[in-house]
Amino acid sequence: PDGETPLEVTVKKAQTRGEDQYQWIFRDISESKALHSLRKDLTAMIYHDINNPLNNIFNSLDLISSGLEEHESGKIDTGLSIIRGSADRLQRLINSLLDIDRLEAGHPIANRAAADLSTLLNEAVEAVRPALDSKRQVIQQKMPTALPLLLVDGNMIKRVMINLIENASKFSPPDGSIHIGMKAFKDQVNFWVEDEGQG
């Protein structure tokens, strides 16, 4: 209920001048409970999302099996492309789970190095290309002629880009466009994604 604060209570016994004394320690654990709840919700969401690419893998295997029987190379290529994209997404989800564990253990999760954001964005777009093609969606890019190299964790930044583009694709109608772009501001770069969905 509102107004209540979760507490952790510790009691220690000590003797002073031959008499038993008790020390009561009350610690506010609101932040730790909130963090635990957030972690639980995030983990549940990630595990739920893992089911989608797994289902795509199984369905694509059926598609490939059917294509082999009918000797339709186009169907086989489509199935392999979906499997590859789904496997990549599974790897990103698993890496996110590992990042949570590293953060809770107090370990650093970023390996920063100079990175070309244009290259990372192109790789992110290609990673979600099968999902875009399945809905006949196109990417509209607005990029400056040159961007500075930034000291970032390239893999982590690319995972963020992929997640944002995947979400835009998910909430955009078939045959729609997804607008992405970057703009440099002194020592930072702004990246945005716009979809054509409701809201």
C-alpha atoms as a PDB file:
ATOM      1  CA  PRO A   1       0.000   0.000   0.000  1.00  0.00           C
ATOM      2  CA  ASP A   2       0.985   3.614  -0.494  1.00  0.00           C
ATOM      3  CA  GLY A   3       2.914   5.114   2.377  1.00  0.00           C
ATOM      4  CA  GLU A   4       4.545   1.864   3.458  1.00  0.00           C
ATOM      5  CA  THR A   5       8.311   1.402   3.228  1.00  0.00           C
ATOM      6  CA  PRO A   6       9.854  -2.077   2.958  1.00  0.00           C
ATOM      7  CA  LEU A   7      12.552  -2.587   5.582  1.00  0.00           C
ATOM      8  CA  GLU A   8      15.249  -5.126   6.298  1.00  0.00           C
ATOM      9  CA  VAL A   9      15.660  -5.579  10.053  1.00  0.00           C
ATOM     10  CA  THR A  10      18.859  -6.900  11.626  1.00  0.00           C
ATOM     11  CA  VAL A  11      19.222  -7.539  15.362  1.00  0.00           C
ATOM     12  CA  LYS A  12      22.597  -7.900  17.040  1.00  0.00           C
ATOM     13  CA  LYS A  13      23.167  -8.978  20.642  1.00  0.00           C
ATOM     14  CA  ALA A  14      26.033  -7.573  22.698  1.00  0.00           C
ATOM     15  CA  GLN A  15      26.952  -7.279  26.334  1.00  0.00           C
ATOM     16  CA  THR A  16      27.715  -3.984  28.022  1.00  0.00           C
ATOM     17  CA  ARG A  17      28.830  -4.043  31.671  1.00  0.00           C
ATOM     18  CA  GLY A  18      27.471  -7.553  32.006  1.00  0.00           C
ATOM     19  CA  GLU A  19      24.073  -6.672  30.671  1.00  0.00           C
ATOM     20  CA  ASP A  20      22.588  -7.925  27.395  1.00  0.00           C
ATOM     21  CA  GLN A  21      22.067  -5.176  24.852  1.00  0.00           C
ATOM     22  CA  TYR A  22      20.291  -5.464  21.520  1.00  0.00           C
ATOM     23  CA  GLN A  23      21.045  -3.339  18.497  1.00  0.00           C
ATOM     24  CA  TRP A  24      18.256  -3.003  15.979  1.00  0.00           C
ATOM     25  CA  ILE A  25      19.252  -1.927  12.465  1.00  0.00           C
ATOM     26  CA  PHE A  26      16.556  -0.877   9.995  1.00  0.00           C
ATOM     27  CA  ARG A  27      17.517  -0.554   6.338  1.00  0.00           C
ATOM     28  CA  ASP A  28      15.275   0.855   3.625  1.00  0.00           C
ATOM     29  CA  ILE A  29      15.242  -1.716   0.783  1.00  0.00           C
ATOM     30  CA  SER A  30      12.850   0.158  -1.521  1.00  0.00           C
ATOM     31  CA  GLU A  31      15.466   0.563  -4.254  1.00  0.00           C
ATOM     32  CA  SER A  32      16.619  -3.058  -4.129  1.00  0.00           C
ATOM     33  CA  LYS A  33      13.005  -4.293  -4.291  1.00  0.00           C
ATOM     34  CA  ALA A  34      12.311  -1.996  -7.238  1.00  0.00           C
ATOM     35  CA  LEU A  35      15.466  -3.243  -8.986  1.00  0.00           C
ATOM     36  CA  HIS A  36      14.493  -6.856  -8.325  1.00  0.00           C
ATOM     37  CA  SER A  37      11.016  -6.223  -9.724  1.00  0.00           C
ATOM     38  CA  LEU A  38      12.461  -4.494 -12.796  1.00  0.00           C
ATOM     39  CA  ARG A  39      14.887  -7.357 -13.377  1.00  0.00           C
ATOM     40  CA  LYS A  40      12.085  -9.898 -13.016  1.00  0.00           C
ATOM     41  CA  ASP A  41       9.890  -8.066 -15.523  1.00  0.00           C
ATOM     42  CA  LEU A  42      12.774  -7.575 -17.975  1.00  0.00           C
ATOM     43  CA  THR A  43      13.827 -11.214 -17.750  1.00  0.00           C
ATOM     44  CA  ALA A  44      10.248 -12.385 -18.269  1.00  0.00           C
ATOM     45  CA  MET A  45       9.925 -10.124 -21.317  1.00  0.00           C
ATOM     46  CA  ILE A  46      13.163 -11.387 -22.839  1.00  0.00           C
ATOM     47  CA  TYR A  47      12.259 -15.027 -22.290  1.00  0.00           C
ATOM     48  CA  HIS A  48       8.857 -14.373 -23.837  1.00  0.00           C
ATOM     49  CA  ASP A  49      10.490 -12.725 -26.858  1.00  0.00           C
ATOM     50  CA  ILE A  50      12.786 -15.718 -27.306  1.00  0.00           C
ATOM     51  CA  ASN A  51       9.764 -17.813 -28.272  1.00  0.00           C
ATOM     52  CA  ASN A  52       9.088 -15.762 -31.413  1.00  0.00           C
ATOM     53  CA  PRO A  53      12.413 -16.388 -33.221  1.00  0.00           C
ATOM     54  CA  LEU A  54      12.332 -20.014 -32.059  1.00  0.00           C
ATOM     55  CA  ASN A  55       8.945 -20.472 -33.705  1.00  0.00           C
ATOM     56  CA  ASN A  56      10.327 -18.835 -36.857  1.00  0.00           C
ATOM     57  CA  ILE A  57      13.205 -21.325 -36.860  1.00  0.00           C
ATOM     58  CA  PHE A  58      10.892 -24.312 -36.579  1.00  0.00           C
ATOM     59  CA  ASN A  59       8.502 -22.989 -39.242  1.00  0.00           C
ATOM     60  CA  SER A  60      11.411 -22.241 -41.566  1.00  0.00           C
ATOM     61  CA  LEU A  61      12.746 -25.763 -41.147  1.00  0.00           C
ATOM     62  CA  ASP A  62       9.340 -27.046 -42.273  1.00  0.00           C
ATOM     63  CA  LEU A  63       9.492 -24.656 -45.221  1.00  0.00           C
ATOM     64  CA  ILE A  64      12.962 -25.896 -46.184  1.00  0.00           C
ATOM     65  CA  SER A  65      11.857 -29.521 -45.906  1.00  0.00           C
ATOM     66  CA  SER A  66       8.933 -28.773 -48.212  1.00  0.00           C
ATOM     67  CA  GLY A  67      11.194 -26.875 -50.609  1.00  0.00           C
ATOM     68  CA  LEU A  68      13.665 -29.762 -50.795  1.00  0.00           C
ATOM     69  CA  GLU A  69      10.870 -32.102 -51.727  1.00  0.00           C
ATOM     70  CA  GLU A  70       9.609 -29.741 -54.413  1.00  0.00           C
ATOM     71  CA  HIS A  71      13.110 -28.654 -55.517  1.00  0.00           C
ATOM     72  CA  GLU A  72      12.210 -24.984 -55.135  1.00  0.00           C
ATOM     73  CA  SER A  73      15.482 -23.178 -54.483  1.00  0.00           C
ATOM     74  CA  GLY A  74      13.738 -19.837 -53.864  1.00  0.00           C
ATOM     75  CA  LYS A  75      11.734 -21.291 -51.002  1.00  0.00           C
ATOM     76  CA  ILE A  76      14.910 -22.786 -49.509  1.00  0.00           C
ATOM     77  CA  ASP A  77      16.737 -19.446 -49.689  1.00  0.00           C
ATOM     78  CA  THR A  78      13.812 -17.699 -47.987  1.00  0.00           C
ATOM     79  CA  GLY A  79      13.734 -20.268 -45.206  1.00  0.00           C
ATOM     80  CA  LEU A  80      17.479 -20.040 -44.626  1.00  0.00           C
ATOM     81  CA  SER A  81      17.294 -16.259 -44.474  1.00  0.00           C
ATOM     82  CA  ILE A  82      14.552 -16.387 -41.837  1.00  0.00           C
ATOM     83  CA  ILE A  83      16.497 -18.956 -39.797  1.00  0.00           C
ATOM     84  CA  ARG A  84      19.645 -16.839 -39.918  1.00  0.00           C
ATOM     85  CA  GLY A  85      17.781 -13.719 -38.816  1.00  0.00           C
ATOM     86  CA  SER A  86      15.997 -15.551 -36.014  1.00  0.00           C
ATOM     87  CA  ALA A  87      19.223 -17.129 -34.790  1.00  0.00           C
ATOM     88  CA  ASP A  88      20.862 -13.682 -34.709  1.00  0.00           C
ATOM     89  CA  ARG A  89      17.947 -12.334 -32.681  1.00  0.00           C
ATOM     90  CA  LEU A  90      18.203 -15.220 -30.240  1.00  0.00           C
ATOM     91  CA  GLN A  91      21.882 -14.444 -29.763  1.00  0.00           C
ATOM     92  CA  ARG A  92      21.088 -10.790 -29.029  1.00  0.00           C
ATOM     93  CA  LEU A  93      18.448 -11.772 -26.468  1.00  0.00           C
ATOM     94  CA  ILE A  94      20.822 -14.169 -24.762  1.00  0.00           C
ATOM     95  CA  ASN A  95      23.527 -11.493 -24.687  1.00  0.00           C
ATOM     96  CA  SER A  96      21.033  -9.161 -23.000  1.00  0.00           C
ATOM     97  CA  LEU A  97      20.442 -11.757 -20.287  1.00  0.00           C
ATOM     98  CA  LEU A  98      24.173 -12.115 -19.803  1.00  0.00           C
ATOM     99  CA  ASP A  99      24.515  -8.329 -19.548  1.00  0.00           C
ATOM    100  CA  ILE A 100      21.979  -8.304 -16.702  1.00  0.00           C
ATOM    101  CA  ASP A 101      23.982 -10.898 -14.796  1.00  0.00           C
ATOM    102  CA  ARG A 102      27.226  -8.981 -15.339  1.00  0.00           C
ATOM    103  CA  LEU A 103      25.651  -5.731 -14.159  1.00  0.00           C
ATOM    104  CA  GLU A 104      24.321  -7.359 -10.993  1.00  0.00           C
ATOM    105  CA  ALA A 105      27.753  -8.830 -10.323  1.00  0.00           C
ATOM    106  CA  GLY A 106      29.306  -5.375 -10.666  1.00  0.00           C
ATOM    107  CA  HIS A 107      31.289  -6.278 -13.774  1.00  0.00           C
ATOM    108  CA  PRO A 108      31.676  -3.861 -16.698  1.00  0.00           C
ATOM    109  CA  ILE A 109      29.729  -4.853 -19.813  1.00  0.00           C
ATOM    110  CA  ALA A 110      31.048  -2.308 -22.298  1.00  0.00           C
ATOM    111  CA  ASN A 111      34.157  -2.798 -24.428  1.00  0.00           C
ATOM    112  CA  ARG A 112      34.560   0.613 -25.985  1.00  0.00           C
ATOM    113  CA  ALA A 113      36.513   1.317 -29.133  1.00  0.00           C
ATOM    114  CA  ALA A 114      36.387   3.839 -31.974  1.00  0.00           C
ATOM    115  CA  ALA A 115      33.435   2.913 -34.194  1.00  0.00           C
ATOM    116  CA  ASP A 116      31.892   4.147 -37.434  1.00  0.00           C
ATOM    117  CA  LEU A 117      28.180   4.550 -36.653  1.00  0.00           C
ATOM    118  CA  SER A 118      27.206   4.525 -40.337  1.00  0.00           C
ATOM    119  CA  THR A 119      28.707   1.052 -40.690  1.00  0.00           C
ATOM    120  CA  LEU A 120      26.965  -0.147 -37.512  1.00  0.00           C
ATOM    121  CA  LEU A 121      23.636   1.188 -38.791  1.00  0.00           C
ATOM    122  CA  ASN A 122      24.018  -0.537 -42.165  1.00  0.00           C
ATOM    123  CA  GLU A 123      24.793  -3.809 -40.387  1.00  0.00           C
ATOM    124  CA  ALA A 124      21.743  -3.325 -38.150  1.00  0.00           C
ATOM    125  CA  VAL A 125      19.485  -2.751 -41.167  1.00  0.00           C
ATOM    126  CA  GLU A 126      20.795  -5.881 -42.886  1.00  0.00           C
ATOM    127  CA  ALA A 127      20.194  -7.889 -39.700  1.00  0.00           C
ATOM    128  CA  VAL A 128      16.470  -7.042 -39.763  1.00  0.00           C
ATOM    129  CA  ARG A 129      16.140  -7.162 -43.565  1.00  0.00           C
ATOM    130  CA  PRO A 130      14.223 -10.505 -43.596  1.00  0.00           C
ATOM    131  CA  ALA A 131      11.591  -9.108 -41.223  1.00  0.00           C
ATOM    132  CA  LEU A 132      11.277  -5.951 -43.323  1.00  0.00           C
ATOM    133  CA  ASP A 133      11.010  -7.896 -46.584  1.00  0.00           C
ATOM    134  CA  SER A 134       8.324 -10.188 -45.157  1.00  0.00           C
ATOM    135  CA  LYS A 135       6.119  -7.112 -44.594  1.00  0.00           C
ATOM    136  CA  ARG A 136       7.307  -5.360 -47.772  1.00  0.00           C
ATOM    137  CA  GLN A 137       8.588  -2.446 -45.688  1.00  0.00           C
ATOM    138  CA  VAL A 138      11.300  -0.077 -46.857  1.00  0.00           C
ATOM    139  CA  ILE A 139      13.929   1.881 -44.932  1.00  0.00           C
ATOM    140  CA  GLN A 140      14.281   5.600 -45.590  1.00  0.00           C
ATOM    141  CA  GLN A 141      17.653   6.856 -44.329  1.00  0.00           C
ATOM    142  CA  LYS A 142      18.625  10.455 -43.603  1.00  0.00           C
ATOM    143  CA  MET A 143      22.346  10.492 -42.983  1.00  0.00           C
ATOM    144  CA  PRO A 144      24.966  13.278 -43.024  1.00  0.00           C
ATOM    145  CA  THR A 145      27.826  12.998 -45.480  1.00  0.00           C
ATOM    146  CA  ALA A 146      30.293  12.301 -42.660  1.00  0.00           C
ATOM    147  CA  LEU A 147      30.036  11.278 -39.018  1.00  0.00           C
ATOM    148  CA  PRO A 148      32.783  11.370 -36.404  1.00  0.00           C
ATOM    149  CA  LEU A 149      34.155   8.157 -34.956  1.00  0.00           C
ATOM    150  CA  LEU A 150      32.794   7.622 -31.453  1.00  0.00           C
ATOM    151  CA  LEU A 151      34.239   5.657 -28.558  1.00  0.00           C
ATOM    152  CA  VAL A 152      31.446   3.124 -27.940  1.00  0.00           C
ATOM    153  CA  ASP A 153      30.779  -0.576 -27.545  1.00  0.00           C
ATOM    154  CA  GLY A 154      29.988  -1.322 -31.190  1.00  0.00           C
ATOM    155  CA  ASN A 155      28.157  -4.601 -30.566  1.00  0.00           C
ATOM    156  CA  MET A 156      25.961  -3.076 -27.879  1.00  0.00           C
ATOM    157  CA  ILE A 157      25.112   0.008 -29.956  1.00  0.00           C
ATOM    158  CA  LYS A 158      24.234  -2.205 -32.924  1.00  0.00           C
ATOM    159  CA  ARG A 159      21.954  -4.316 -30.718  1.00  0.00           C
ATOM    160  CA  VAL A 160      20.148  -1.143 -29.622  1.00  0.00           C
ATOM    161  CA  MET A 161      19.732  -0.056 -33.256  1.00  0.00           C
ATOM    162  CA  ILE A 162      18.400  -3.478 -34.243  1.00  0.00           C
ATOM    163  CA  ASN A 163      15.891  -3.493 -31.384  1.00  0.00           C
ATOM    164  CA  LEU A 164      14.596  -0.040 -32.306  1.00  0.00           C
ATOM    165  CA  ILE A 165      14.250  -0.909 -36.005  1.00  0.00           C
ATOM    166  CA  GLU A 166      12.571  -4.251 -35.161  1.00  0.00           C
ATOM    167  CA  ASN A 167      10.064  -2.445 -32.936  1.00  0.00           C
ATOM    168  CA  ALA A 168       9.371   0.086 -35.694  1.00  0.00           C
ATOM    169  CA  SER A 169       8.783  -2.766 -38.142  1.00  0.00           C
ATOM    170  CA  LYS A 170       6.514  -4.570 -35.682  1.00  0.00           C
ATOM    171  CA  PHE A 171       4.243  -1.567 -35.214  1.00  0.00           C
ATOM    172  CA  SER A 172       4.272  -0.379 -38.835  1.00  0.00           C
ATOM    173  CA  PRO A 173       1.733  -1.629 -41.387  1.00  0.00           C
ATOM    174  CA  PRO A 174       2.741  -3.789 -44.362  1.00  0.00           C
ATOM    175  CA  ASP A 175       4.075  -1.815 -47.341  1.00  0.00           C
ATOM    176  CA  GLY A 176       5.027   1.008 -44.950  1.00  0.00           C
ATOM    177  CA  SER A 177       8.221   2.980 -44.538  1.00  0.00           C
ATOM    178  CA  ILE A 178      10.562   3.225 -41.556  1.00  0.00           C
ATOM    179  CA  HIS A 179      12.594   6.404 -41.276  1.00  0.00           C
ATOM    180  CA  ILE A 180      15.990   6.318 -39.608  1.00  0.00           C
ATOM    181  CA  GLY A 181      18.722   8.896 -39.391  1.00  0.00           C
ATOM    182  CA  MET A 182      21.633  10.413 -37.516  1.00  0.00           C
ATOM    183  CA  LYS A 183      22.893  13.887 -36.816  1.00  0.00           C
ATOM    184  CA  ALA A 184      26.169  14.951 -35.226  1.00  0.00           C
ATOM    185  CA  PHE A 185      26.275  17.490 -32.362  1.00  0.00           C
ATOM    186  CA  LYS A 186      29.826  18.350 -31.323  1.00  0.00           C
ATOM    187  CA  ASP A 187      31.037  15.241 -29.449  1.00  0.00           C
ATOM    188  CA  GLN A 188      27.841  13.206 -29.747  1.00  0.00           C
ATOM    189  CA  VAL A 189      25.561  11.741 -32.412  1.00  0.00           C
ATOM    190  CA  ASN A 190      21.771  11.607 -32.235  1.00  0.00           C
ATOM    191  CA  PHE A 191      20.098   8.538 -33.757  1.00  0.00           C
ATOM    192  CA  TRP A 192      16.365   8.259 -34.368  1.00  0.00           C
ATOM    193  CA  VAL A 193      13.791   5.834 -35.725  1.00  0.00           C
ATOM    194  CA  GLU A 194      10.294   6.776 -36.865  1.00  0.00           C
ATOM    195  CA  ASP A 195       7.565   4.325 -37.864  1.00  0.00           C
ATOM    196  CA  GLU A 196       4.183   4.774 -39.524  1.00  0.00           C
ATOM    197  CA  GLY A 197       2.176   2.976 -36.862  1.00  0.00           C
ATOM    198  CA  GLN A 198      -0.532   4.452 -34.677  1.00  0.00           C
ATOM    199  CA  GLY A 199       0.434   6.657 -31.746  1.00  0.00           C
END
